[in-house]
Amino acid sequence: MAISNFEPGRTPPKDAPRPQTPAALAAAIEQAADEVAGGRHDPQFVVDIFQTGSGTSTHMNANEVIARLAGAHPNDHVNLGQSSNDVIPAAIHIAAAETVNGELLPAMRELEGALARKAAEFADVLKIGRTHLQDAVPMRLGQEFSGWARQVAASRERIEGALAGIYELPLGGTAIGTGLNAPPGFARAVIAGVAARAGLPFIEARNHFEAQGGRDAAVFLSGALRGYAVALTKIANDIRWLGSGPRCGLGELRLPEVQPGSSIMPGKVNPVIAENLLMACAQAIGYDAAIAWCGAAGNFELNVMMPLLAYDLLESIALLAAGSRNFSRRLVEGLEADRERCEAFVEQSLAMGTALAPAIGYDRAAELVKKAYREGRTVREVARESGEIPVEKLEALLDPERQAG
């Protein structure tokens, strides 16, 4: 911004402190801003998240620190052509875009890849499917993992799509979107510089009044993050249920041992990584609720809950990125299948009777299933005993490999 403001022909106000040439002043402001961005002066940023809803307190904190370092005036020089009302929304978008691209999307791709590799590894493991927490027809463990991998991929695609609105920046709109006190071409020049520096496709907002009066793009991105948190919750819950036991639960998966699970029960191992992720997802979903409320707090030409929205959005991104990496590296990559247990459940399942319906009808298949349940036997044993289906055909119908596809 300093470079754009002090192009040849545009000079700072005459009463500015420590008069400098425009080029020298621009260079000093740029150097100071780089130092601030690099974290060298973090202790000087003392403003709380819970402040004025426009974020002006934080904005002026930055202007004043930069001005002191550069020997400039915080309003006349550092804030020239700008307002908190276009700078803070732009800062939210820039920070969100950088952290999503730099942290979250790589973590999601890593988790997607880990699940896909397990899908291939477990492609030949037959297990029983479950619907309504009840036994269903046979499937492959790899198929289950492939579904989880696709959930992560689909969530990633939705988040990538939500970035389109985030790439629009309201810089140049100044106080309410009219661009008062911003020179012609200022927004275009500044945003081009931001895009080049960040390596991201930032553009000028198509409508500055929308871009400053509402925070819809951030709310939309948060909704996509919430969707990913919901997907992760489902995946983490499925995996910890499949790893329940080791003797009195489902026990189809062996989870890697991370830490002793109990302070009183020796040898107990808990699914701590899955539980860690579940809590992170719960927090992200809570952040989304707060972000929605913040987004609704726009009055006429300005939103007045931007600091909280910014904090919660960036925290949500960071939580989901860290949770995804941790889940991938410390749980998914170490998962093992208990093949014998998976196959035993398949044979014991009463849902095997589903394959008999085309041969003897739904009602008769249901009678055989109920008989098997009452007598504590398998569907295969009861169907053989009935003699209604030739043995060779019966074995083909009850072949779990065929049923799983």
Protein backbone atom coordinates (compact mmCIF):
# COMPACT_ATOMS: atom_id res chain seq x y z
CA MET A 1 0.00 0.00 0.00
CA ALA A 2 2.84 2.37 0.81
CA ILE A 3 4.29 1.90 -2.67
CA SER A 4 0.91 2.49 -4.30
CA ASN A 5 0.22 5.56 -2.18
CA PHE A 6 3.51 7.31 -2.83
CA GLU A 7 3.90 6.87 -6.55
CA PRO A 8 5.52 9.82 -8.37
CA GLY A 9 3.28 12.87 -8.30
CA ARG A 10 1.57 12.07 -4.99
CA THR A 11 3.09 13.51 -1.83
CA PRO A 12 2.23 13.18 1.85
CA PRO A 13 0.60 16.11 3.68
CA LYS A 14 2.87 19.08 4.31
CA ASP A 15 2.47 18.94 8.08
CA ALA A 16 3.55 15.30 8.32
CA PRO A 17 6.31 14.57 10.86
CA ARG A 18 9.88 14.02 9.73
CA PRO A 19 9.41 15.09 6.10
CA GLN A 20 10.90 12.63 3.61
CA THR A 21 10.74 12.14 -0.11
CA PRO A 22 7.74 10.05 -1.14
CA ALA A 23 9.98 7.18 -2.23
CA ALA A 24 11.95 7.18 1.02
CA LEU A 25 8.78 7.34 3.10
CA ALA A 26 7.21 4.50 1.14
CA ALA A 27 10.33 2.38 1.62
CA ALA A 28 10.39 3.10 5.36
CA ILE A 29 6.73 2.18 5.76
CA GLU A 30 7.20 -0.98 3.71
CA GLN A 31 10.18 -2.07 5.80
CA ALA A 32 8.29 -1.40 9.03
CA ALA A 33 5.26 -3.30 7.77
CA ASP A 34 7.47 -6.26 6.86
CA GLU A 35 8.91 -6.28 10.37
CA VAL A 36 5.43 -6.23 11.87
CA ALA A 37 4.25 -9.01 9.56
CA GLY A 38 7.30 -11.05 10.52
CA GLY A 39 6.32 -10.93 14.19
CA ARG A 40 9.22 -8.81 15.40
CA HIS A 41 6.91 -6.38 17.19
CA ASP A 42 4.16 -8.67 18.43
CA PRO A 43 4.43 -7.46 22.06
CA GLN A 44 3.24 -4.04 20.89
CA PHE A 45 -0.09 -5.46 19.73
CA VAL A 46 -2.10 -5.34 22.92
CA VAL A 47 -5.68 -4.90 21.71
CA ASP A 48 -8.13 -7.61 22.75
CA ILE A 49 -10.31 -9.56 20.32
CA PHE A 50 -13.37 -8.13 22.06
CA GLN A 51 -13.11 -4.51 20.93
CA THR A 52 -14.90 -2.23 18.51
CA GLY A 53 -16.75 -4.34 15.95
CA SER A 54 -15.03 -2.77 12.95
CA GLY A 55 -11.59 -3.80 14.18
CA THR A 56 -10.48 -0.15 14.16
CA SER A 57 -8.60 -0.62 17.44
CA THR A 58 -6.40 -3.33 15.94
CA HIS A 59 -6.06 -1.40 12.68
CA MET A 60 -4.86 1.74 14.45
CA ASN A 61 -2.59 -0.36 16.66
CA ALA A 62 -0.91 -1.53 13.45
CA ASN A 63 -0.85 1.96 11.92
CA GLU A 64 0.75 3.43 15.04
CA VAL A 65 3.42 0.74 15.39
CA ILE A 66 4.34 1.03 11.71
CA ALA A 67 4.34 4.83 11.89
CA ARG A 68 6.68 4.84 14.89
CA LEU A 69 9.10 2.48 13.17
CA ALA A 70 9.01 4.41 9.89
CA GLY A 71 9.03 7.94 11.29
CA ALA A 72 5.66 8.55 9.66
CA HIS A 73 2.18 9.68 10.65
CA PRO A 74 -0.26 6.81 11.41
CA ASN A 75 -3.21 8.43 9.62
CA ASP A 76 -1.73 10.77 7.04
CA HIS A 77 0.90 8.32 5.82
CA VAL A 78 0.36 4.72 6.90
CA ASN A 79 -3.43 4.82 6.54
CA LEU A 80 -3.43 6.99 3.42
CA GLY A 81 -6.24 5.98 1.05
CA GLN A 82 -7.56 3.42 3.49
CA SER A 83 -10.12 2.83 6.22
CA SER A 84 -10.56 0.14 8.85
CA ASN A 85 -13.79 -0.63 7.02
CA ASP A 86 -12.02 -1.94 3.92
CA VAL A 87 -8.69 -2.99 5.48
CA ILE A 88 -10.07 -5.31 8.18
CA PRO A 89 -12.39 -7.27 5.83
CA ALA A 90 -9.50 -7.57 3.38
CA ALA A 91 -7.15 -8.76 6.13
CA ILE A 92 -9.67 -11.43 7.13
CA HIS A 93 -9.87 -12.68 3.56
CA ILE A 94 -6.11 -12.64 3.01
CA ALA A 95 -5.39 -14.49 6.26
CA ALA A 96 -8.11 -17.05 5.61
CA ALA A 97 -6.96 -17.68 2.04
CA GLU A 98 -3.33 -18.09 3.09
CA THR A 99 -4.07 -20.48 5.96
CA VAL A 100 -6.56 -22.56 3.99
CA ASN A 101 -4.11 -22.94 1.09
CA GLY A 102 -0.99 -23.22 3.21
CA GLU A 103 -2.22 -25.42 6.06
CA LEU A 104 -5.69 -26.90 5.70
CA LEU A 105 -5.78 -28.11 2.09
CA PRO A 106 -2.38 -29.88 2.34
CA ALA A 107 -3.52 -31.57 5.57
CA MET A 108 -6.75 -32.67 3.91
CA ARG A 109 -4.88 -34.11 0.94
CA GLU A 110 -2.59 -35.98 3.34
CA LEU A 111 -5.56 -37.52 5.17
CA GLU A 112 -7.34 -38.32 1.93
CA GLY A 113 -4.21 -40.11 0.70
CA ALA A 114 -3.79 -42.08 3.93
CA LEU A 115 -7.40 -43.29 3.78
CA ALA A 116 -7.06 -44.17 0.10
CA ARG A 117 -3.94 -46.23 0.79
CA LYS A 118 -5.77 -48.14 3.53
CA ALA A 119 -8.65 -48.68 1.10
CA ALA A 120 -6.23 -50.41 -1.26
CA GLU A 121 -4.56 -52.36 1.56
CA PHE A 122 -7.89 -53.68 2.86
CA ALA A 123 -9.48 -54.28 -0.54
CA ASP A 124 -9.59 -58.06 0.03
CA VAL A 125 -10.87 -57.96 3.63
CA LEU A 126 -14.51 -59.05 3.80
CA LYS A 127 -16.61 -57.64 6.62
CA ILE A 128 -20.23 -57.07 7.47
CA GLY A 129 -21.84 -53.76 6.64
CA ARG A 130 -24.01 -52.03 9.20
CA THR A 131 -27.06 -49.78 8.90
CA HIS A 132 -29.03 -48.41 11.89
CA LEU A 133 -26.27 -50.02 14.02
CA GLN A 134 -27.63 -53.39 12.87
CA ASP A 135 -26.01 -56.08 10.73
CA ALA A 136 -26.37 -55.50 6.99
CA VAL A 137 -24.99 -57.26 3.91
CA PRO A 138 -21.28 -58.05 3.36
CA MET A 139 -18.83 -55.52 2.00
CA ARG A 140 -15.09 -55.00 1.83
CA LEU A 141 -13.22 -53.06 4.47
CA GLY A 142 -11.49 -51.24 1.63
CA GLN A 143 -14.85 -50.04 0.35
CA GLU A 144 -15.57 -48.47 3.71
CA PHE A 145 -12.22 -46.67 3.68
CA SER A 146 -12.80 -45.52 0.11
CA GLY A 147 -16.02 -43.86 1.25
CA TRP A 148 -14.16 -42.00 3.99
CA ALA A 149 -11.45 -40.92 1.55
CA ARG A 150 -14.11 -39.53 -0.77
CA GLN A 151 -15.77 -37.67 2.11
CA VAL A 152 -12.50 -35.87 2.76
CA ALA A 153 -12.00 -35.17 -0.95
CA ALA A 154 -15.53 -33.84 -1.37
CA SER A 155 -15.09 -31.58 1.67
CA ARG A 156 -11.83 -30.31 0.22
CA GLU A 157 -13.53 -29.50 -3.08
CA ARG A 158 -16.27 -27.58 -1.29
CA ILE A 159 -13.72 -25.57 0.69
CA GLU A 160 -11.77 -24.82 -2.49
CA GLY A 161 -15.00 -23.61 -4.08
CA ALA A 162 -15.72 -21.37 -1.11
CA LEU A 163 -12.40 -19.58 -1.66
CA ALA A 164 -13.76 -17.84 -4.76
CA GLY A 165 -15.52 -15.27 -2.60
CA ILE A 166 -12.57 -15.02 -0.22
CA TYR A 167 -10.30 -13.99 -3.09
CA GLU A 168 -12.37 -10.81 -3.57
CA LEU A 169 -10.86 -7.93 -1.57
CA PRO A 170 -12.68 -4.70 -0.67
CA LEU A 171 -9.54 -2.54 -0.57
CA GLY A 172 -10.15 0.85 -2.13
CA GLY A 173 -13.70 1.14 -0.83
CA THR A 174 -12.49 3.17 2.19
CA ALA A 175 -15.22 4.18 4.66
CA ILE A 176 -18.42 2.78 3.14
CA GLY A 177 -17.52 1.48 -0.31
CA THR A 178 -17.58 4.72 -2.31
CA GLY A 179 -13.79 4.99 -2.39
CA LEU A 180 -13.66 8.47 -0.84
CA ASN A 181 -10.05 9.69 -0.44
CA ALA A 182 -8.58 6.74 -2.35
CA PRO A 183 -6.77 7.78 -5.55
CA PRO A 184 -7.83 6.33 -8.92
CA GLY A 185 -6.29 2.93 -9.54
CA PHE A 186 -5.32 2.50 -5.89
CA ALA A 187 -7.35 -0.68 -5.30
CA ARG A 188 -6.18 -2.30 -8.50
CA ALA A 189 -2.52 -1.59 -7.79
CA VAL A 190 -2.60 -2.67 -4.16
CA ILE A 191 -4.53 -5.87 -4.79
CA ALA A 192 -2.21 -6.81 -7.65
CA GLY A 193 0.69 -6.42 -5.25
CA VAL A 194 -1.02 -8.49 -2.57
CA ALA A 195 -1.79 -11.23 -5.09
CA ALA A 196 1.80 -11.30 -6.34
CA ARG A 197 3.24 -11.39 -2.84
CA ALA A 198 0.86 -14.10 -1.60
CA GLY A 199 0.88 -16.12 -4.81
CA LEU A 200 -2.92 -16.27 -4.67
CA PRO A 201 -5.52 -14.97 -7.17
CA PHE A 202 -6.86 -12.00 -5.22
CA ILE A 203 -9.03 -9.57 -7.18
CA GLU A 204 -10.87 -6.34 -6.44
CA ALA A 205 -14.36 -6.88 -5.04
CA ARG A 206 -16.98 -6.84 -7.76
CA ASN A 207 -19.18 -4.66 -5.56
CA HIS A 208 -17.59 -2.72 -2.72
CA PHE A 209 -20.87 -2.20 -0.91
CA GLU A 210 -21.49 -5.94 -0.69
CA ALA A 211 -17.87 -6.56 0.23
CA GLN A 212 -17.96 -4.11 3.16
CA GLY A 213 -21.58 -4.30 4.29
CA GLY A 214 -21.65 -8.09 4.58
CA ARG A 215 -19.31 -10.89 5.53
CA ASP A 216 -21.10 -13.52 3.48
CA ALA A 217 -17.97 -14.99 1.87
CA ALA A 218 -16.41 -15.68 5.27
CA VAL A 219 -19.67 -17.17 6.55
CA PHE A 220 -19.84 -19.39 3.46
CA LEU A 221 -16.27 -20.59 3.97
CA SER A 222 -17.04 -21.31 7.61
CA GLY A 223 -20.03 -23.37 6.52
CA ALA A 224 -17.74 -25.46 4.31
CA LEU A 225 -15.38 -25.91 7.27
CA ARG A 226 -18.32 -27.01 9.40
CA GLY A 227 -19.23 -29.55 6.72
CA TYR A 228 -15.70 -30.95 6.88
CA ALA A 229 -15.88 -31.11 10.68
CA VAL A 230 -19.12 -33.09 10.37
CA ALA A 231 -17.47 -35.51 7.91
CA LEU A 232 -14.44 -35.94 10.18
CA THR A 233 -16.73 -36.61 13.13
CA LYS A 234 -18.42 -39.42 11.22
CA ILE A 235 -15.10 -40.92 10.12
CA ALA A 236 -13.50 -40.72 13.58
CA ASN A 237 -16.56 -42.24 15.21
CA ASP A 238 -16.71 -45.08 12.68
CA ILE A 239 -13.06 -45.94 13.20
CA ARG A 240 -13.21 -45.91 16.98
CA TRP A 241 -16.36 -48.08 16.94
CA LEU A 242 -14.71 -50.55 14.55
CA GLY A 243 -11.74 -50.61 16.91
CA SER A 244 -13.83 -51.11 20.05
CA GLY A 245 -12.94 -54.03 22.27
CA PRO A 246 -10.49 -55.61 22.10
CA ARG A 247 -12.52 -58.67 23.17
CA CYS A 248 -16.01 -57.40 23.92
CA GLY A 249 -16.50 -54.89 21.13
CA LEU A 250 -16.50 -54.98 17.33
CA GLY A 251 -12.72 -55.29 17.12
CA GLU A 252 -12.53 -55.31 13.32
CA LEU A 253 -9.77 -52.71 13.38
CA ARG A 254 -6.67 -52.58 15.57
CA LEU A 255 -5.88 -49.00 16.50
CA PRO A 256 -2.27 -47.97 17.12
CA GLU A 257 -1.38 -47.66 20.80
CA VAL A 258 -0.58 -44.05 21.59
CA GLN A 259 -0.71 -43.86 25.38
CA PRO A 260 -1.95 -45.89 28.35
CA GLY A 261 -5.70 -45.43 28.33
CA SER A 262 -6.61 -45.73 31.97
CA SER A 263 -5.23 -44.62 35.30
CA ILE A 264 -6.88 -47.60 37.03
CA MET A 265 -7.30 -50.39 34.45
CA PRO A 266 -3.91 -51.88 33.48
CA GLY A 267 -3.34 -52.56 29.79
CA LYS A 268 -6.34 -50.57 28.58
CA VAL A 269 -5.78 -48.60 25.38
CA ASN A 270 -8.24 -45.88 24.40
CA PRO A 271 -8.85 -44.29 20.96
CA VAL A 272 -7.33 -41.01 22.11
CA ILE A 273 -6.47 -39.67 18.65
CA ALA A 274 -10.03 -40.17 17.43
CA GLU A 275 -11.35 -38.48 20.55
CA ASN A 276 -8.89 -35.62 20.08
CA LEU A 277 -10.29 -35.06 16.59
CA LEU A 278 -13.90 -35.29 17.77
CA MET A 279 -13.31 -32.45 20.23
CA ALA A 280 -11.57 -30.32 17.60
CA CYS A 281 -14.53 -30.86 15.28
CA ALA A 282 -17.00 -29.95 18.01
CA GLN A 283 -15.09 -26.71 18.57
CA ALA A 284 -15.05 -25.93 14.82
CA ILE A 285 -18.80 -26.48 14.63
CA GLY A 286 -19.22 -24.13 17.58
CA TYR A 287 -17.03 -21.54 15.88
CA ASP A 288 -19.28 -21.74 12.83
CA ALA A 289 -22.33 -20.94 14.94
CA ALA A 290 -20.55 -17.85 16.30
CA ILE A 291 -19.37 -16.87 12.82
CA ALA A 292 -22.93 -17.07 11.49
CA TRP A 293 -24.06 -14.76 14.29
CA CYS A 294 -21.19 -12.38 13.52
CA GLY A 295 -22.06 -12.40 9.83
CA ALA A 296 -25.63 -11.46 10.63
CA ALA A 297 -24.40 -8.42 12.57
CA GLY A 298 -24.04 -6.16 9.56
CA ASN A 299 -25.85 -2.84 9.87
CA PHE A 300 -26.22 -0.89 6.64
CA GLU A 301 -22.69 -0.32 5.27
CA LEU A 302 -20.59 -2.15 7.88
CA ASN A 303 -20.37 -5.39 9.81
CA VAL A 304 -19.70 -4.78 13.49
CA MET A 305 -18.45 -8.16 14.72
CA MET A 306 -15.38 -8.58 12.53
CA PRO A 307 -12.71 -9.20 15.19
CA LEU A 308 -14.58 -12.19 16.62
CA LEU A 309 -15.40 -13.48 13.15
CA ALA A 310 -11.73 -13.26 12.16
CA TYR A 311 -10.55 -15.01 15.31
CA ASP A 312 -13.05 -17.86 15.09
CA LEU A 313 -12.53 -18.40 11.36
CA LEU A 314 -8.75 -18.63 11.65
CA GLU A 315 -8.98 -20.83 14.74
CA SER A 316 -11.36 -23.18 12.93
CA ILE A 317 -8.99 -23.47 9.97
CA ALA A 318 -6.01 -24.13 12.26
CA LEU A 319 -7.90 -26.70 14.36
CA LEU A 320 -9.09 -28.70 11.38
CA ALA A 321 -5.67 -28.60 9.74
CA ALA A 322 -3.87 -29.81 12.87
CA GLY A 323 -6.57 -32.37 13.61
CA SER A 324 -6.41 -33.78 10.09
CA ARG A 325 -2.63 -34.16 10.17
CA ASN A 326 -2.64 -35.73 13.61
CA PHE A 327 -5.44 -38.15 12.70
CA SER A 328 -3.67 -39.18 9.51
CA ARG A 329 -0.21 -39.69 10.98
CA ARG A 330 -0.98 -41.06 14.43
CA LEU A 331 -4.05 -43.16 13.74
CA VAL A 332 -4.98 -43.88 10.12
CA GLU A 333 -1.48 -44.82 8.97
CA GLY A 334 -1.14 -47.32 11.83
CA LEU A 335 -4.50 -49.05 11.46
CA GLU A 336 -4.56 -52.83 11.03
CA ALA A 337 -7.44 -55.12 10.14
CA ASP A 338 -8.41 -58.18 12.19
CA ARG A 339 -9.23 -60.32 9.18
CA GLU A 340 -10.40 -63.36 11.12
CA ARG A 341 -12.84 -61.36 13.20
CA CYS A 342 -14.18 -59.56 10.13
CA GLU A 343 -14.81 -62.87 8.34
CA ALA A 344 -16.38 -64.45 11.42
CA PHE A 345 -18.90 -61.64 11.68
CA VAL A 346 -19.80 -62.07 8.01
CA GLU A 347 -20.65 -65.74 8.48
CA GLN A 348 -22.60 -65.09 11.67
CA SER A 349 -24.65 -62.25 10.21
CA LEU A 350 -28.35 -62.89 9.68
CA ALA A 351 -28.25 -60.36 6.85
CA MET A 352 -26.67 -63.09 4.72
CA GLY A 353 -30.27 -64.19 4.22
CA THR A 354 -30.80 -61.18 1.94
CA ALA A 355 -29.07 -63.10 -0.85
CA LEU A 356 -31.67 -65.90 -0.60
CA ALA A 357 -34.67 -63.67 -1.42
CA PRO A 358 -34.31 -63.83 -5.22
CA ALA A 359 -34.33 -67.65 -5.06
CA ILE A 360 -37.08 -68.38 -2.49
CA GLY A 361 -38.81 -65.02 -2.00
CA TYR A 362 -38.62 -62.40 0.71
CA ASP A 363 -41.11 -64.01 3.11
CA ARG A 364 -39.50 -67.46 3.05
CA ALA A 365 -36.01 -65.96 3.40
CA ALA A 366 -37.27 -64.01 6.43
CA GLU A 367 -38.59 -67.24 7.98
CA LEU A 368 -35.19 -68.91 7.61
CA VAL A 369 -33.45 -65.86 9.09
CA LYS A 370 -35.76 -65.87 12.12
CA LYS A 371 -35.20 -69.60 12.59
CA ALA A 372 -31.43 -69.09 12.49
CA TYR A 373 -31.73 -66.34 15.10
CA ARG A 374 -33.94 -68.40 17.44
CA GLU A 375 -31.69 -71.43 17.26
CA GLY A 376 -28.36 -69.57 17.42
CA ARG A 377 -27.24 -70.95 14.06
CA THR A 378 -26.02 -69.39 10.82
CA VAL A 379 -28.25 -68.70 7.83
CA ARG A 380 -26.10 -71.08 5.82
CA GLU A 381 -26.77 -73.96 8.23
CA VAL A 382 -30.52 -73.40 8.32
CA ALA A 383 -30.79 -72.96 4.55
CA ARG A 384 -28.85 -76.17 3.91
CA GLU A 385 -31.09 -78.03 6.30
CA SER A 386 -34.25 -76.80 4.55
CA GLY A 387 -33.07 -78.30 1.26
CA GLU A 388 -35.01 -75.72 -0.74
CA ILE A 389 -31.99 -74.55 -2.69
CA PRO A 390 -29.48 -76.92 -4.30
CA VAL A 391 -26.23 -76.90 -2.35
CA GLU A 392 -24.12 -75.59 -5.22
CA LYS A 393 -26.53 -72.73 -5.88
CA LEU A 394 -26.83 -72.01 -2.15
CA GLU A 395 -23.07 -71.71 -1.77
CA ALA A 396 -22.96 -69.33 -4.73
CA LEU A 397 -25.74 -67.19 -3.29
CA LEU A 398 -24.10 -67.04 0.14
CA ASP A 399 -20.62 -66.30 -1.22
CA PRO A 400 -19.66 -63.03 0.51
CA GLU A 401 -17.13 -62.25 -2.23
CA ARG A 402 -19.97 -62.12 -4.74
CA GLN A 403 -22.24 -60.17 -2.43
CA ALA A 404 -19.58 -57.54 -1.70
CA GLY A 405 -19.00 -56.87 -5.38
